[in-house]
Every structure is written in C-alpha cells, then in structure tokens.
C-alpha cells in the first residue's frame, strides 16, 4: 500500500486535516480490537461450560 501525498489525501478525506484522517483510519483498528476481546471472552465461557459438562460425565 503506497502512502498518499497531500493532494490525494485532501481529495480522499474531503478536505479533512491529516490528523482527522489518521483518526478515521484508526477507528477500524479499535473496532477490531474490541471484536477480538469479545471473541476471547465468549470462547473462554464456552470452554469453561464444556469442561464443566465433561467433568459431570
């Protein structure tokens, strides 16, 4: 992926500043991190329940 120059950046971002554009680019990363954390919690709950059921048998 190549880096955009100032003119391209302004055209793509609709006139937003470089800082605003960087914030917009960072948002999907934070969403991905939240998804990964939620997935981890759900997997742990599942594994715990599965092991508890296995221990009863």
PDB file of N, CA and C in Angstrom:
ATOM      1  N   UNK A   1       0.846  -1.174   0.000  1.00  0.00           N
ATOM      2  CA  UNK A   1       0.000   0.000   0.000  1.00  0.00           C
ATOM      3  C   UNK A   1       0.889   1.233   0.000  1.00  0.00           C
ATOM      4  N   UNK A   2       0.657   2.132  -0.926  1.00  0.00           N
ATOM      5  CA  UNK A   2       1.500   3.318  -1.012  1.00  0.00           C
ATOM      6  C   UNK A   2       0.920   4.454  -0.172  1.00  0.00           C
ATOM      7  N   UNK A   3       1.770   5.333   0.218  1.00  0.00           N
ATOM      8  CA  UNK A   3       1.366   6.490   1.015  1.00  0.00           C
ATOM      9  C   UNK A   3       0.820   7.581   0.096  1.00  0.00           C
ATOM     10  N   UNK A   4      -0.265   8.232   0.518  1.00  0.00           N
ATOM     11  CA  UNK A   4      -0.863   9.293  -0.286  1.00  0.00           C
ATOM     12  C   UNK A   4      -0.129  10.605  -0.082  1.00  0.00           C
ATOM     13  N   UNK A   5      -0.025  11.412  -1.148  1.00  0.00           N
ATOM     14  CA  UNK A   5       0.557  12.738  -0.983  1.00  0.00           C
ATOM     15  C   UNK A   5      -0.532  13.673  -0.466  1.00  0.00           C
ATOM     16  N   UNK A   6      -0.179  14.906  -0.161  1.00  0.00           N
ATOM     17  CA  UNK A   6      -1.123  15.850   0.449  1.00  0.00           C
ATOM     18  C   UNK A   6      -2.357  16.101  -0.410  1.00  0.00           C
ATOM     19  N   UNK A   7      -2.182  16.231  -1.716  1.00  0.00           N
ATOM     20  CA  UNK A   7      -3.309  16.489  -2.617  1.00  0.00           C
ATOM     21  C   UNK A   7      -4.265  15.306  -2.640  1.00  0.00           C
ATOM     22  N   UNK A   8      -3.728  14.105  -2.757  1.00  0.00           N
ATOM     23  CA  UNK A   8      -4.560  12.912  -2.757  1.00  0.00           C
ATOM     24  C   UNK A   8      -5.266  12.734  -1.417  1.00  0.00           C
ATOM     25  N   UNK A   9      -4.541  12.998  -0.347  1.00  0.00           N
ATOM     26  CA  UNK A   9      -5.109  12.870   0.991  1.00  0.00           C
ATOM     27  C   UNK A   9      -6.282  13.819   1.169  1.00  0.00           C
ATOM     28  N   UNK A  10      -6.130  15.057   0.715  1.00  0.00           N
ATOM     29  CA  UNK A  10      -7.200  16.039   0.831  1.00  0.00           C
ATOM     30  C   UNK A  10      -8.406  15.625  -0.013  1.00  0.00           C
ATOM     31  N   UNK A  11      -8.160  15.093  -1.200  1.00  0.00           N
ATOM     32  CA  UNK A  11      -9.254  14.669  -2.080  1.00  0.00           C
ATOM     33  C   UNK A  11     -10.010  13.489  -1.478  1.00  0.00           C
ATOM     34  N   UNK A  12      -9.282  12.536  -0.933  1.00  0.00           N
ATOM     35  CA  UNK A  12      -9.909  11.343  -0.351  1.00  0.00           C
ATOM     36  C   UNK A  12     -10.649  11.680   0.933  1.00  0.00           C
ATOM     37  N   UNK A  13     -10.077  12.534   1.735  1.00  0.00           N
ATOM     38  CA  UNK A  13     -10.658  12.818   3.049  1.00  0.00           C
ATOM     39  C   UNK A  13     -11.714  13.911   2.998  1.00  0.00           C
ATOM     40  N   UNK A  14     -11.980  14.464   1.835  1.00  0.00           N
ATOM     41  CA  UNK A  14     -12.997  15.500   1.727  1.00  0.00           C
ATOM     42  C   UNK A  14     -12.572  16.804   2.372  1.00  0.00           C
ATOM     43  N   UNK A  15     -11.290  17.078   2.404  1.00  0.00           N
ATOM     44  CA  UNK A  15     -10.791  18.319   2.981  1.00  0.00           C
ATOM     45  C   UNK A  15     -10.447  18.208   4.455  1.00  0.00           C
ATOM     46  N   UNK A  16     -10.571  17.014   5.027  1.00  0.00           N
ATOM     47  CA  UNK A  16     -10.232  16.842   6.446  1.00  0.00           C
ATOM     48  C   UNK A  16      -8.722  16.980   6.629  1.00  0.00           C
ATOM     49  N   UNK A  17      -8.314  17.377   7.803  1.00  0.00           N
ATOM     50  CA  UNK A  17      -6.888  17.520   8.081  1.00  0.00           C
ATOM     51  C   UNK A  17      -6.242  16.143   8.179  1.00  0.00           C
ATOM     52  N   UNK A  18      -4.937  16.109   8.138  1.00  0.00           N
ATOM     53  CA  UNK A  18      -4.208  14.854   8.235  1.00  0.00           C
ATOM     54  C   UNK A  18      -4.507  14.162   9.560  1.00  0.00           C
ATOM     55  N   UNK A  19      -4.612  14.922  10.631  1.00  0.00           N
ATOM     56  CA  UNK A  19      -4.912  14.342  11.937  1.00  0.00           C
ATOM     57  C   UNK A  19      -6.298  13.719  11.948  1.00  0.00           C
ATOM     58  N   UNK A  20      -7.281  14.402  11.389  1.00  0.00           N
ATOM     59  CA  UNK A  20      -8.636  13.840  11.332  1.00  0.00           C
ATOM     60  C   UNK A  20      -8.652  12.553  10.511  1.00  0.00           C
ATOM     61  N   UNK A  21      -7.902  12.549   9.422  1.00  0.00           N
ATOM     62  CA  UNK A  21      -7.839  11.368   8.569  1.00  0.00           C
ATOM     63  C   UNK A  21      -7.173  10.209   9.319  1.00  0.00           C
ATOM     64  N   UNK A  22      -6.140  10.490  10.074  1.00  0.00           N
ATOM     65  CA  UNK A  22      -5.464   9.456  10.857  1.00  0.00           C
ATOM     66  C   UNK A  22      -6.411   8.867  11.897  1.00  0.00           C
ATOM     67  N   UNK A  23      -7.242   9.707  12.493  1.00  0.00           N
ATOM     68  CA  UNK A  23      -8.215   9.222  13.471  1.00  0.00           C
ATOM     69  C   UNK A  23      -9.225   8.310  12.787  1.00  0.00           C
ATOM     70  N   UNK A  24      -9.673   8.695  11.600  1.00  0.00           N
ATOM     71  CA  UNK A  24     -10.612   7.856  10.861  1.00  0.00           C
ATOM     72  C   UNK A  24      -9.998   6.509  10.502  1.00  0.00           C
ATOM     73  N   UNK A  25      -8.725   6.510  10.151  1.00  0.00           N
ATOM     74  CA  UNK A  25      -8.047   5.259   9.815  1.00  0.00           C
ATOM     75  C   UNK A  25      -7.874   4.372  11.040  1.00  0.00           C
ATOM     76  N   UNK A  26      -7.733   4.961  12.225  1.00  0.00           N
ATOM     77  CA  UNK A  26      -7.502   4.196  13.443  1.00  0.00           C
ATOM     78  C   UNK A  26      -8.781   3.559  13.970  1.00  0.00           C
ATOM     79  N   UNK A  27      -9.937   4.087  13.624  1.00  0.00           N
ATOM     80  CA  UNK A  27     -11.185   3.563  14.168  1.00  0.00           C
ATOM     81  C   UNK A  27     -11.417   2.092  13.838  1.00  0.00           C
ATOM     82  N   UNK A  28     -11.238   1.649  12.600  1.00  0.00           N
ATOM     83  CA  UNK A  28     -11.451   0.227  12.344  1.00  0.00           C
ATOM     84  C   UNK A  28     -10.525  -0.665  13.169  1.00  0.00           C
ATOM     85  N   UNK A  29      -9.328  -0.210  13.446  1.00  0.00           N
ATOM     86  CA  UNK A  29      -8.402  -0.992  14.264  1.00  0.00           C
ATOM     87  C   UNK A  29      -8.941  -1.153  15.674  1.00  0.00           C
ATOM     88  N   UNK A  30      -9.512  -0.093  16.234  1.00  0.00           N
ATOM     89  CA  UNK A  30     -10.052  -0.198  17.582  1.00  0.00           C
ATOM     90  C   UNK A  30     -11.283  -1.087  17.594  1.00  0.00           C
ATOM     91  N   UNK A  31     -12.093  -1.061  16.530  1.00  0.00           N
ATOM     92  CA  UNK A  31     -13.239  -1.955  16.431  1.00  0.00           C
ATOM     93  C   UNK A  31     -12.772  -3.400  16.373  1.00  0.00           C
ATOM     94  N   UNK A  32     -11.711  -3.646  15.638  1.00  0.00           N
ATOM     95  CA  UNK A  32     -11.165  -4.989  15.515  1.00  0.00           C
ATOM     96  C   UNK A  32     -10.654  -5.491  16.861  1.00  0.00           C
ATOM     97  N   UNK A  33     -10.035  -4.609  17.627  1.00  0.00           N
ATOM     98  CA  UNK A  33      -9.531  -4.973  18.950  1.00  0.00           C
ATOM     99  C   UNK A  33     -10.679  -5.335  19.873  1.00  0.00           C
ATOM    100  N   UNK A  34     -11.765  -4.564  19.822  1.00  0.00           N
ATOM    101  CA  UNK A  34     -12.927  -4.851  20.651  1.00  0.00           C
ATOM    102  C   UNK A  34     -13.547  -6.187  20.253  1.00  0.00           C
ATOM    103  N   UNK A  35     -13.606  -6.461  18.958  1.00  0.00           N
ATOM    104  CA  UNK A  35     -14.142  -7.735  18.489  1.00  0.00           C
ATOM    105  C   UNK A  35     -13.286  -8.899  18.981  1.00  0.00           C
ATOM    106  N   UNK A  36     -11.988  -8.730  18.932  1.00  0.00           N
ATOM    107  CA  UNK A  36     -11.082  -9.789  19.387  1.00  0.00           C
ATOM    108  C   UNK A  36     -11.252 -10.051  20.880  1.00  0.00           C
ATOM    109  N   UNK A  37     -11.431  -8.987  21.669  1.00  0.00           N
ATOM    110  CA  UNK A  37     -11.631  -9.144  23.109  1.00  0.00           C
ATOM    111  C   UNK A  37     -12.945  -9.861  23.394  1.00  0.00           C
ATOM    112  N   UNK A  38     -14.007  -9.478  22.703  1.00  0.00           N
ATOM    113  CA  UNK A  38     -15.305 -10.130  22.897  1.00  0.00           C
ATOM    114  C   UNK A  38     -15.238 -11.598  22.495  1.00  0.00           C
ATOM    115  N   UNK A  39     -14.550 -11.889  21.408  1.00  0.00           N
ATOM    116  CA  UNK A  39     -14.402 -13.266  20.946  1.00  0.00           C
ATOM    117  C   UNK A  39     -13.668 -14.094  21.985  1.00  0.00           C
ATOM    118  N   UNK A  40     -12.642 -13.523  22.565  1.00  0.00           N
ATOM    119  CA  UNK A  40     -11.862 -14.220  23.586  1.00  0.00           C
ATOM    120  C   UNK A  40     -12.720 -14.545  24.809  1.00  0.00           C
ATOM    121  N   UNK A  41     -13.531 -13.586  25.245  1.00  0.00           N
ATOM    122  CA  UNK A  41     -14.399 -13.798  26.411  1.00  0.00           C
ATOM    123  C   UNK A  41     -15.417 -14.897  26.116  1.00  0.00           C
ATOM    124  N   UNK A  42     -16.038 -14.832  24.934  1.00  0.00           N
ATOM    125  CA  UNK A  42     -17.031 -15.847  24.589  1.00  0.00           C
ATOM    126  C   UNK A  42     -16.406 -17.233  24.472  1.00  0.00           C
ATOM    127  N   UNK A  43     -15.202 -17.321  23.929  1.00  0.00           N
ATOM    128  CA  UNK A  43     -14.523 -18.608  23.812  1.00  0.00           C
ATOM    129  C   UNK A  43     -14.207 -19.170  25.187  1.00  0.00           C
ATOM    130  N   UNK A  44     -13.761 -18.321  26.106  1.00  0.00           N
ATOM    131  CA  UNK A  44     -13.451 -18.774  27.462  1.00  0.00           C
ATOM    132  C   UNK A  44     -14.696 -19.287  28.162  1.00  0.00           C
ATOM    133  N   UNK A  45     -15.818 -18.567  28.013  1.00  0.00           N
ATOM    134  CA  UNK A  45     -17.081 -19.024  28.612  1.00  0.00           C
ATOM    135  C   UNK A  45     -17.487 -20.387  28.043  1.00  0.00           C
ATOM    136  N   UNK A  46     -17.374 -20.514  26.730  1.00  0.00           N
ATOM    137  CA  UNK A  46     -17.738 -21.769  26.078  1.00  0.00           C
ATOM    138  C   UNK A  46     -16.868 -22.916  26.579  1.00  0.00           C
ATOM    139  N   UNK A  47     -15.568 -22.703  26.610  1.00  0.00           N
ATOM    140  CA  UNK A  47     -14.646 -23.749  27.045  1.00  0.00           C
ATOM    141  C   UNK A  47     -14.894 -24.137  28.504  1.00  0.00           C
ATOM    142  N   UNK A  48     -15.194 -23.151  29.345  1.00  0.00           N
ATOM    143  CA  UNK A  48     -15.464 -23.425  30.757  1.00  0.00           C
ATOM    144  C   UNK A  48     -16.722 -24.273  30.907  1.00  0.00           C
ATOM    145  N   UNK A  49     -17.791 -23.901  30.198  1.00  0.00           N
ATOM    146  CA  UNK A  49     -19.036 -24.670  30.266  1.00  0.00           C
ATOM    147  C   UNK A  49     -18.826 -26.086  29.733  1.00  0.00           C
ATOM    148  N   UNK A  50     -18.095 -26.211  28.631  1.00  0.00           N
ATOM    149  CA  UNK A  50     -17.845 -27.515  28.032  1.00  0.00           C
ATOM    150  C   UNK A  50     -17.058 -28.418  28.996  1.00  0.00           C
ATOM    151  N   UNK A  51     -16.056 -27.852  29.638  1.00  0.00           N
ATOM    152  CA  UNK A  51     -15.263 -28.627  30.597  1.00  0.00           C
ATOM    153  C   UNK A  51     -16.091 -29.017  31.802  1.00  0.00           C
ATOM    154  N   UNK A  52     -16.970 -28.139  32.282  1.00  0.00           N
ATOM    155  CA  UNK A  52     -17.819 -28.449  33.426  1.00  0.00           C
ATOM    156  C   UNK A  52     -18.753 -29.608  33.084  1.00  0.00           C
ATOM    157  N   UNK A  53     -19.331 -29.590  31.899  1.00  0.00           N
ATOM    158  CA  UNK A  53     -20.215 -30.686  31.472  1.00  0.00           C
ATOM    159  C   UNK A  53     -19.415 -31.985  31.351  1.00  0.00           C
ATOM    160  N   UNK A  54     -18.213 -31.892  30.814  1.00  0.00           N
ATOM    161  CA  UNK A  54     -17.370 -33.074  30.701  1.00  0.00           C
ATOM    162  C   UNK A  54     -16.992 -33.657  32.049  1.00  0.00           C
ATOM    163  N   UNK A  55     -16.834 -32.798  33.054  1.00  0.00           N
ATOM    164  CA  UNK A  55     -16.472 -33.272  34.399  1.00  0.00           C
ATOM    165  C   UNK A  55     -17.635 -33.987  35.080  1.00  0.00           C
ATOM    166  N   UNK A  56     -18.862 -33.656  34.699  1.00  0.00           N
ATOM    167  CA  UNK A  56     -20.035 -34.301  35.290  1.00  0.00           C
ATOM    168  C   UNK A  56     -20.147 -35.738  34.812  1.00  0.00           C
ATOM    169  N   UNK A  57     -19.794 -35.991  33.564  1.00  0.00           N
ATOM    170  CA  UNK A  57     -19.920 -37.341  32.983  1.00  0.00           C
ATOM    171  C   UNK A  57     -18.977 -38.312  33.593  1.00  0.00           C
TER     172      UNK A  57
END
